[in-house]
Each structure stands twice: as C-alpha cells, then as structure tokens.
Amino acid sequence: MKLNKYTVGKRYGKALFELAAEENQSEAVYNDLLSLRKIYEEIPDLGNLLSDVRLDLSAKRQLLDQLTAPFSGIMKNFLLVVNRYNRLADLPLIIDEFERRYDEEQGLILGQVTTAVPMTNQQKSRLEASIAKRLGYETAQLTEKVDPAIVGGVIVEVQDRVIDGSVATQLTKLRELLK
C-alpha cells in the first residue's frame, strides 16, 4: 500500500519529534528544521530533484552531502533515512508536523483570525489570550487577515476548528430562518 505525502509527513514528523524529545534535543532539532525549511523555500524543487530517480546517483549524492553538511546527530541521520526511503520531497510536510507537535509541547497554538477591519494590538492580544484559554493552551499566536466581506465580527481558525462569529454568517443564518 502506497502512502500519500500527508500520511508520510505525519508519521515521519511524529517519529522525529518523539526521538528528539526522548534525547532531550527537541529545541535543537526544531531549530535545524527551521533552517532546513528556509533551504526548501529558497530552492522549491529541491525535494523533487533529490527524489527523482532519473538523477545521476553521484550528482544526487553530492546534493545530499551539501544538504546534510550543516547538520549532525539526530538530524543528519534522519535526513539520510528520509533519503533512503525516497521521501525528501515530503520534507516540508514532515517539518510542519514536527513544528505542530513542538508548539503543542510548548503550550502554543497557531491559527488565523479574519476581521472586517484591522485589529489594534490590544484587541489582538485579548483575542489570543481568550482563544488560548478556551482551547486549553498557554498562548495562542494568530496571524491576521482582513476581509471586509465578513461585515463585522471575527472568524478564528485554529487546528481543525473554525469559530465563526462574523456578521455575514449571522445574517445568512437569519435569512435561512426567515425563508
């Protein structure tokens, strides 16, 4: 059975996180992964290139050596395993899963808030504190998006949850009730 890239990302990310936590190296591995993410952002096709079976083995080995050179220990071994199983194209998803687990361990939840007009810093801080408390985390970090179409209120998206307190949604529900 062939696994899709999202399943691979979750499995490998979880395995790396558990190993790093067991070895008390979560923060070091997290920082290594952030630098690796930057490399993948600068060279978006790197994963596909390293996973391409048509690439000459010596050229692939040279690229892999350059990629793994700044790393040691857990991180270097992990990259070699990911390469062995031809999953370097899935590395951004693996990083995302590790980061989600790392943030959760730190008591941090990430999400997005949509408002009709920009929020003040004080409003955003209060909303983040409220969301963190409501979902059982120490802190929440929300990226802000402005969409005048929601008319007013807020829409908060965190993990797999959506808290829709927008005026547009309330008006739509009211219209449905009046029909």
C-alpha atoms as a PDB file:
ATOM      1  CA  MET A   1       0.000   0.000   0.000  1.00  0.00           C
ATOM      2  CA  LYS A   2       1.437   3.334  -1.054  1.00  0.00           C
ATOM      3  CA  LEU A   3       1.141   6.119   1.496  1.00  0.00           C
ATOM      4  CA  ASN A   4       0.179   9.637   0.473  1.00  0.00           C
ATOM      5  CA  LYS A   5       2.531  12.503   1.275  1.00  0.00           C
ATOM      6  CA  TYR A   6       0.356  13.813   4.134  1.00  0.00           C
ATOM      7  CA  THR A   7       0.397  10.465   5.926  1.00  0.00           C
ATOM      8  CA  VAL A   8       4.151  10.262   5.393  1.00  0.00           C
ATOM      9  CA  GLY A   9       4.567  13.798   6.759  1.00  0.00           C
ATOM     10  CA  LYS A  10       2.617  12.962   9.893  1.00  0.00           C
ATOM     11  CA  ARG A  11       4.387   9.648  10.528  1.00  0.00           C
ATOM     12  CA  TYR A  12       7.914  10.884   9.944  1.00  0.00           C
ATOM     13  CA  GLY A  13       7.276  14.150  11.801  1.00  0.00           C
ATOM     14  CA  LYS A  14       5.872  12.263  14.781  1.00  0.00           C
ATOM     15  CA  ALA A  15       8.763   9.803  14.793  1.00  0.00           C
ATOM     16  CA  LEU A  16      11.346  12.583  14.640  1.00  0.00           C
ATOM     17  CA  PHE A  17       9.586  14.539  17.374  1.00  0.00           C
ATOM     18  CA  GLU A  18       9.404  11.532  19.682  1.00  0.00           C
ATOM     19  CA  LEU A  19      13.072  10.714  19.108  1.00  0.00           C
ATOM     20  CA  ALA A  20      14.146  14.315  19.693  1.00  0.00           C
ATOM     21  CA  ALA A  21      12.060  14.505  22.892  1.00  0.00           C
ATOM     22  CA  GLU A  22      13.489  11.195  24.117  1.00  0.00           C
ATOM     23  CA  GLU A  23      17.026  12.506  23.564  1.00  0.00           C
ATOM     24  CA  ASN A  24      16.181  15.940  25.078  1.00  0.00           C
ATOM     25  CA  GLN A  25      17.031  17.620  21.784  1.00  0.00           C
ATOM     26  CA  SER A  26      13.616  18.948  20.736  1.00  0.00           C
ATOM     27  CA  GLU A  27      14.715  22.564  20.559  1.00  0.00           C
ATOM     28  CA  ALA A  28      17.927  21.814  18.649  1.00  0.00           C
ATOM     29  CA  VAL A  29      16.084  19.657  16.101  1.00  0.00           C
ATOM     30  CA  TYR A  30      13.349  22.293  15.827  1.00  0.00           C
ATOM     31  CA  ASN A  31      15.941  24.963  15.001  1.00  0.00           C
ATOM     32  CA  ASP A  32      17.605  22.651  12.466  1.00  0.00           C
ATOM     33  CA  LEU A  33      14.245  22.052  10.819  1.00  0.00           C
ATOM     34  CA  LEU A  34      13.590  25.785  10.590  1.00  0.00           C
ATOM     35  CA  SER A  35      16.879  26.265   8.752  1.00  0.00           C
ATOM     36  CA  LEU A  36      16.055  23.306   6.515  1.00  0.00           C
ATOM     37  CA  ARG A  37      12.663  24.858   5.734  1.00  0.00           C
ATOM     38  CA  LYS A  38      14.454  28.033   4.585  1.00  0.00           C
ATOM     39  CA  ILE A  39      16.575  25.957   2.191  1.00  0.00           C
ATOM     40  CA  TYR A  40      13.428  24.359   0.763  1.00  0.00           C
ATOM     41  CA  GLU A  41      11.793  27.792   0.404  1.00  0.00           C
ATOM     42  CA  GLU A  42      14.835  29.153  -1.436  1.00  0.00           C
ATOM     43  CA  ILE A  43      15.001  26.084  -3.726  1.00  0.00           C
ATOM     44  CA  PRO A  44      11.367  24.890  -4.042  1.00  0.00           C
ATOM     45  CA  ASP A  45      12.207  21.964  -6.354  1.00  0.00           C
ATOM     46  CA  LEU A  46      14.993  20.576  -4.165  1.00  0.00           C
ATOM     47  CA  GLY A  47      12.892  17.754  -2.712  1.00  0.00           C
ATOM     48  CA  ASN A  48      11.603  16.706  -6.120  1.00  0.00           C
ATOM     49  CA  LEU A  49      15.109  16.874  -7.567  1.00  0.00           C
ATOM     50  CA  LEU A  50      16.557  14.680  -4.803  1.00  0.00           C
ATOM     51  CA  SER A  51      13.660  12.225  -5.151  1.00  0.00           C
ATOM     52  CA  ASP A  52      13.913  11.989  -8.929  1.00  0.00           C
ATOM     53  CA  VAL A  53      15.107   8.524  -9.949  1.00  0.00           C
ATOM     54  CA  ARG A  54      16.414   9.932 -13.240  1.00  0.00           C
ATOM     55  CA  LEU A  55      19.085  11.980 -11.443  1.00  0.00           C
ATOM     56  CA  ASP A  56      22.574  10.504 -11.639  1.00  0.00           C
ATOM     57  CA  LEU A  57      23.463   8.824  -8.325  1.00  0.00           C
ATOM     58  CA  SER A  58      26.751  10.696  -7.941  1.00  0.00           C
ATOM     59  CA  ALA A  59      25.026  14.043  -8.564  1.00  0.00           C
ATOM     60  CA  LYS A  60      22.293  13.103  -6.090  1.00  0.00           C
ATOM     61  CA  ARG A  61      24.891  12.070  -3.501  1.00  0.00           C
ATOM     62  CA  GLN A  62      26.729  15.371  -3.964  1.00  0.00           C
ATOM     63  CA  LEU A  63      23.498  17.354  -3.441  1.00  0.00           C
ATOM     64  CA  LEU A  64      22.601  15.256  -0.392  1.00  0.00           C
ATOM     65  CA  ASP A  65      26.061  15.794   1.100  1.00  0.00           C
ATOM     66  CA  GLN A  66      25.641  19.569   0.717  1.00  0.00           C
ATOM     67  CA  LEU A  67      22.165  19.411   2.247  1.00  0.00           C
ATOM     68  CA  THR A  68      23.247  17.351   5.277  1.00  0.00           C
ATOM     69  CA  ALA A  69      26.613  19.095   5.835  1.00  0.00           C
ATOM     70  CA  PRO A  70      25.369  21.689   8.367  1.00  0.00           C
ATOM     71  CA  PHE A  71      23.655  19.018  10.475  1.00  0.00           C
ATOM     72  CA  SER A  72      24.844  16.311  12.829  1.00  0.00           C
ATOM     73  CA  GLY A  73      23.466  13.645  15.127  1.00  0.00           C
ATOM     74  CA  ILE A  74      19.734  13.035  15.011  1.00  0.00           C
ATOM     75  CA  MET A  75      19.115  15.499  12.218  1.00  0.00           C
ATOM     76  CA  LYS A  76      21.758  14.135   9.866  1.00  0.00           C
ATOM     77  CA  ASN A  77      20.682  10.539  10.494  1.00  0.00           C
ATOM     78  CA  PHE A  78      17.057  11.487   9.957  1.00  0.00           C
ATOM     79  CA  LEU A  79      17.815  13.127   6.607  1.00  0.00           C
ATOM     80  CA  LEU A  80      19.716  10.030   5.496  1.00  0.00           C
ATOM     81  CA  VAL A  81      16.751   7.807   6.423  1.00  0.00           C
ATOM     82  CA  VAL A  82      14.315  10.132   4.632  1.00  0.00           C
ATOM     83  CA  ASN A  83      16.569   9.970   1.575  1.00  0.00           C
ATOM     84  CA  ARG A  84      16.889   6.180   1.754  1.00  0.00           C
ATOM     85  CA  TYR A  85      13.100   5.887   1.569  1.00  0.00           C
ATOM     86  CA  ASN A  86      12.979   8.498  -1.203  1.00  0.00           C
ATOM     87  CA  ARG A  87      10.868  10.947   0.828  1.00  0.00           C
ATOM     88  CA  LEU A  88      12.895  14.175   0.579  1.00  0.00           C
ATOM     89  CA  ALA A  89      10.083  15.743  -1.465  1.00  0.00           C
ATOM     90  CA  ASP A  90       7.818  15.284   1.586  1.00  0.00           C
ATOM     91  CA  LEU A  91      10.193  17.083   3.955  1.00  0.00           C
ATOM     92  CA  PRO A  92       8.126  20.316   4.196  1.00  0.00           C
ATOM     93  CA  LEU A  93       5.149  18.273   5.448  1.00  0.00           C
ATOM     94  CA  ILE A  94       7.386  16.431   7.911  1.00  0.00           C
ATOM     95  CA  ILE A  95       8.661  19.789   9.200  1.00  0.00           C
ATOM     96  CA  ASP A  96       5.082  21.062   9.561  1.00  0.00           C
ATOM     97  CA  GLU A  97       4.106  18.040  11.678  1.00  0.00           C
ATOM     98  CA  PHE A  98       7.196  18.318  13.873  1.00  0.00           C
ATOM     99  CA  GLU A  99       6.555  22.048  14.346  1.00  0.00           C
ATOM    100  CA  ARG A 100       2.892  21.436  15.272  1.00  0.00           C
ATOM    101  CA  ARG A 101       3.922  18.912  17.920  1.00  0.00           C
ATOM    102  CA  TYR A 102       6.745  21.123  19.184  1.00  0.00           C
ATOM    103  CA  ASP A 103       4.423  24.128  19.521  1.00  0.00           C
ATOM    104  CA  GLU A 104       1.857  21.996  21.316  1.00  0.00           C
ATOM    105  CA  GLU A 105       4.514  20.807  23.768  1.00  0.00           C
ATOM    106  CA  GLN A 106       5.412  24.468  24.384  1.00  0.00           C
ATOM    107  CA  GLY A 107       1.735  25.271  25.087  1.00  0.00           C
ATOM    108  CA  LEU A 108       1.420  27.342  21.905  1.00  0.00           C
ATOM    109  CA  ILE A 109      -1.377  27.110  19.383  1.00  0.00           C
ATOM    110  CA  LEU A 110      -1.165  28.748  15.969  1.00  0.00           C
ATOM    111  CA  GLY A 111      -4.084  29.987  13.927  1.00  0.00           C
ATOM    112  CA  GLN A 112      -5.592  32.712  11.817  1.00  0.00           C
ATOM    113  CA  VAL A 113      -8.124  35.412  12.618  1.00  0.00           C
ATOM    114  CA  THR A 114     -10.192  37.134   9.947  1.00  0.00           C
ATOM    115  CA  THR A 115     -11.754  40.513  10.680  1.00  0.00           C
ATOM    116  CA  ALA A 116     -13.555  43.140   8.590  1.00  0.00           C
ATOM    117  CA  VAL A 117     -11.126  45.857   9.721  1.00  0.00           C
ATOM    118  CA  PRO A 118      -7.608  45.637  11.181  1.00  0.00           C
ATOM    119  CA  MET A 119      -7.460  44.950  14.912  1.00  0.00           C
ATOM    120  CA  THR A 120      -5.474  47.014  17.360  1.00  0.00           C
ATOM    121  CA  ASN A 121      -2.609  45.297  19.161  1.00  0.00           C
ATOM    122  CA  GLN A 122      -4.662  45.297  22.358  1.00  0.00           C
ATOM    123  CA  GLN A 123      -7.654  43.640  20.644  1.00  0.00           C
ATOM    124  CA  LYS A 124      -5.432  41.002  19.075  1.00  0.00           C
ATOM    125  CA  SER A 125      -3.717  40.270  22.418  1.00  0.00           C
ATOM    126  CA  ARG A 126      -7.059  39.872  24.182  1.00  0.00           C
ATOM    127  CA  LEU A 127      -8.375  37.599  21.449  1.00  0.00           C
ATOM    128  CA  GLU A 128      -5.217  35.455  21.548  1.00  0.00           C
ATOM    129  CA  ALA A 129      -5.486  35.134  25.334  1.00  0.00           C
ATOM    130  CA  SER A 130      -9.164  34.220  25.056  1.00  0.00           C
ATOM    131  CA  ILE A 131      -8.571  31.586  22.375  1.00  0.00           C
ATOM    132  CA  ALA A 132      -5.643  30.067  24.293  1.00  0.00           C
ATOM    133  CA  LYS A 133      -7.737  29.816  27.456  1.00  0.00           C
ATOM    134  CA  ARG A 134     -10.778  28.444  25.612  1.00  0.00           C
ATOM    135  CA  LEU A 135      -8.743  25.696  23.906  1.00  0.00           C
ATOM    136  CA  GLY A 136      -6.544  24.849  26.915  1.00  0.00           C
ATOM    137  CA  TYR A 137      -3.207  26.299  25.778  1.00  0.00           C
ATOM    138  CA  GLU A 138      -0.831  28.717  27.467  1.00  0.00           C
ATOM    139  CA  THR A 139      -0.615  31.059  24.488  1.00  0.00           C
ATOM    140  CA  ALA A 140      -2.105  31.485  21.043  1.00  0.00           C
ATOM    141  CA  GLN A 141      -0.449  33.149  18.103  1.00  0.00           C
ATOM    142  CA  LEU A 142      -2.863  34.313  15.434  1.00  0.00           C
ATOM    143  CA  THR A 143      -1.992  35.708  12.040  1.00  0.00           C
ATOM    144  CA  GLU A 144      -4.331  38.441  10.996  1.00  0.00           C
ATOM    145  CA  LYS A 145      -6.308  38.601   7.757  1.00  0.00           C
ATOM    146  CA  VAL A 146      -8.647  41.455   6.809  1.00  0.00           C
ATOM    147  CA  ASP A 147     -11.731  40.626   4.716  1.00  0.00           C
ATOM    148  CA  PRO A 148     -14.403  43.369   4.513  1.00  0.00           C
ATOM    149  CA  ALA A 149     -16.877  40.784   3.152  1.00  0.00           C
ATOM    150  CA  ILE A 150     -17.468  39.394   6.657  1.00  0.00           C
ATOM    151  CA  VAL A 151     -19.001  42.799   7.565  1.00  0.00           C
ATOM    152  CA  GLY A 152     -18.036  42.597  11.246  1.00  0.00           C
ATOM    153  CA  GLY A 153     -17.094  40.179  14.000  1.00  0.00           C
ATOM    154  CA  VAL A 154     -14.287  37.629  13.698  1.00  0.00           C
ATOM    155  CA  ILE A 155     -13.579  34.215  12.237  1.00  0.00           C
ATOM    156  CA  VAL A 156     -10.903  32.255  14.095  1.00  0.00           C
ATOM    157  CA  GLU A 157      -9.309  29.167  12.533  1.00  0.00           C
ATOM    158  CA  VAL A 158      -7.065  27.024  14.736  1.00  0.00           C
ATOM    159  CA  GLN A 159      -6.047  23.429  14.065  1.00  0.00           C
ATOM    160  CA  ASP A 160      -9.166  21.804  12.622  1.00  0.00           C
ATOM    161  CA  ARG A 161     -11.601  24.215  14.295  1.00  0.00           C
ATOM    162  CA  VAL A 162     -13.389  27.254  12.951  1.00  0.00           C
ATOM    163  CA  ILE A 163     -15.078  29.682  15.298  1.00  0.00           C
ATOM    164  CA  ASP A 164     -17.252  31.866  13.078  1.00  0.00           C
ATOM    165  CA  GLY A 165     -18.575  34.952  14.822  1.00  0.00           C
ATOM    166  CA  SER A 166     -18.899  37.032  11.664  1.00  0.00           C
ATOM    167  CA  VAL A 167     -21.864  39.273  10.977  1.00  0.00           C
ATOM    168  CA  ALA A 168     -22.072  37.883   7.424  1.00  0.00           C
ATOM    169  CA  THR A 169     -22.634  34.342   8.750  1.00  0.00           C
ATOM    170  CA  GLN A 170     -25.192  35.542  11.281  1.00  0.00           C
ATOM    171  CA  LEU A 171     -27.085  37.376   8.517  1.00  0.00           C
ATOM    172  CA  THR A 172     -27.033  34.261   6.329  1.00  0.00           C
ATOM    173  CA  LYS A 173     -28.439  32.150   9.170  1.00  0.00           C
ATOM    174  CA  LEU A 174     -31.127  34.754   9.816  1.00  0.00           C
ATOM    175  CA  ARG A 175     -32.102  34.742   6.106  1.00  0.00           C
ATOM    176  CA  GLU A 176     -32.433  30.966   6.196  1.00  0.00           C
ATOM    177  CA  LEU A 177     -34.683  31.154   9.265  1.00  0.00           C
ATOM    178  CA  LEU A 178     -36.923  33.764   7.625  1.00  0.00           C
ATOM    179  CA  LYS A 179     -37.453  31.689   4.444  1.00  0.00           C
END
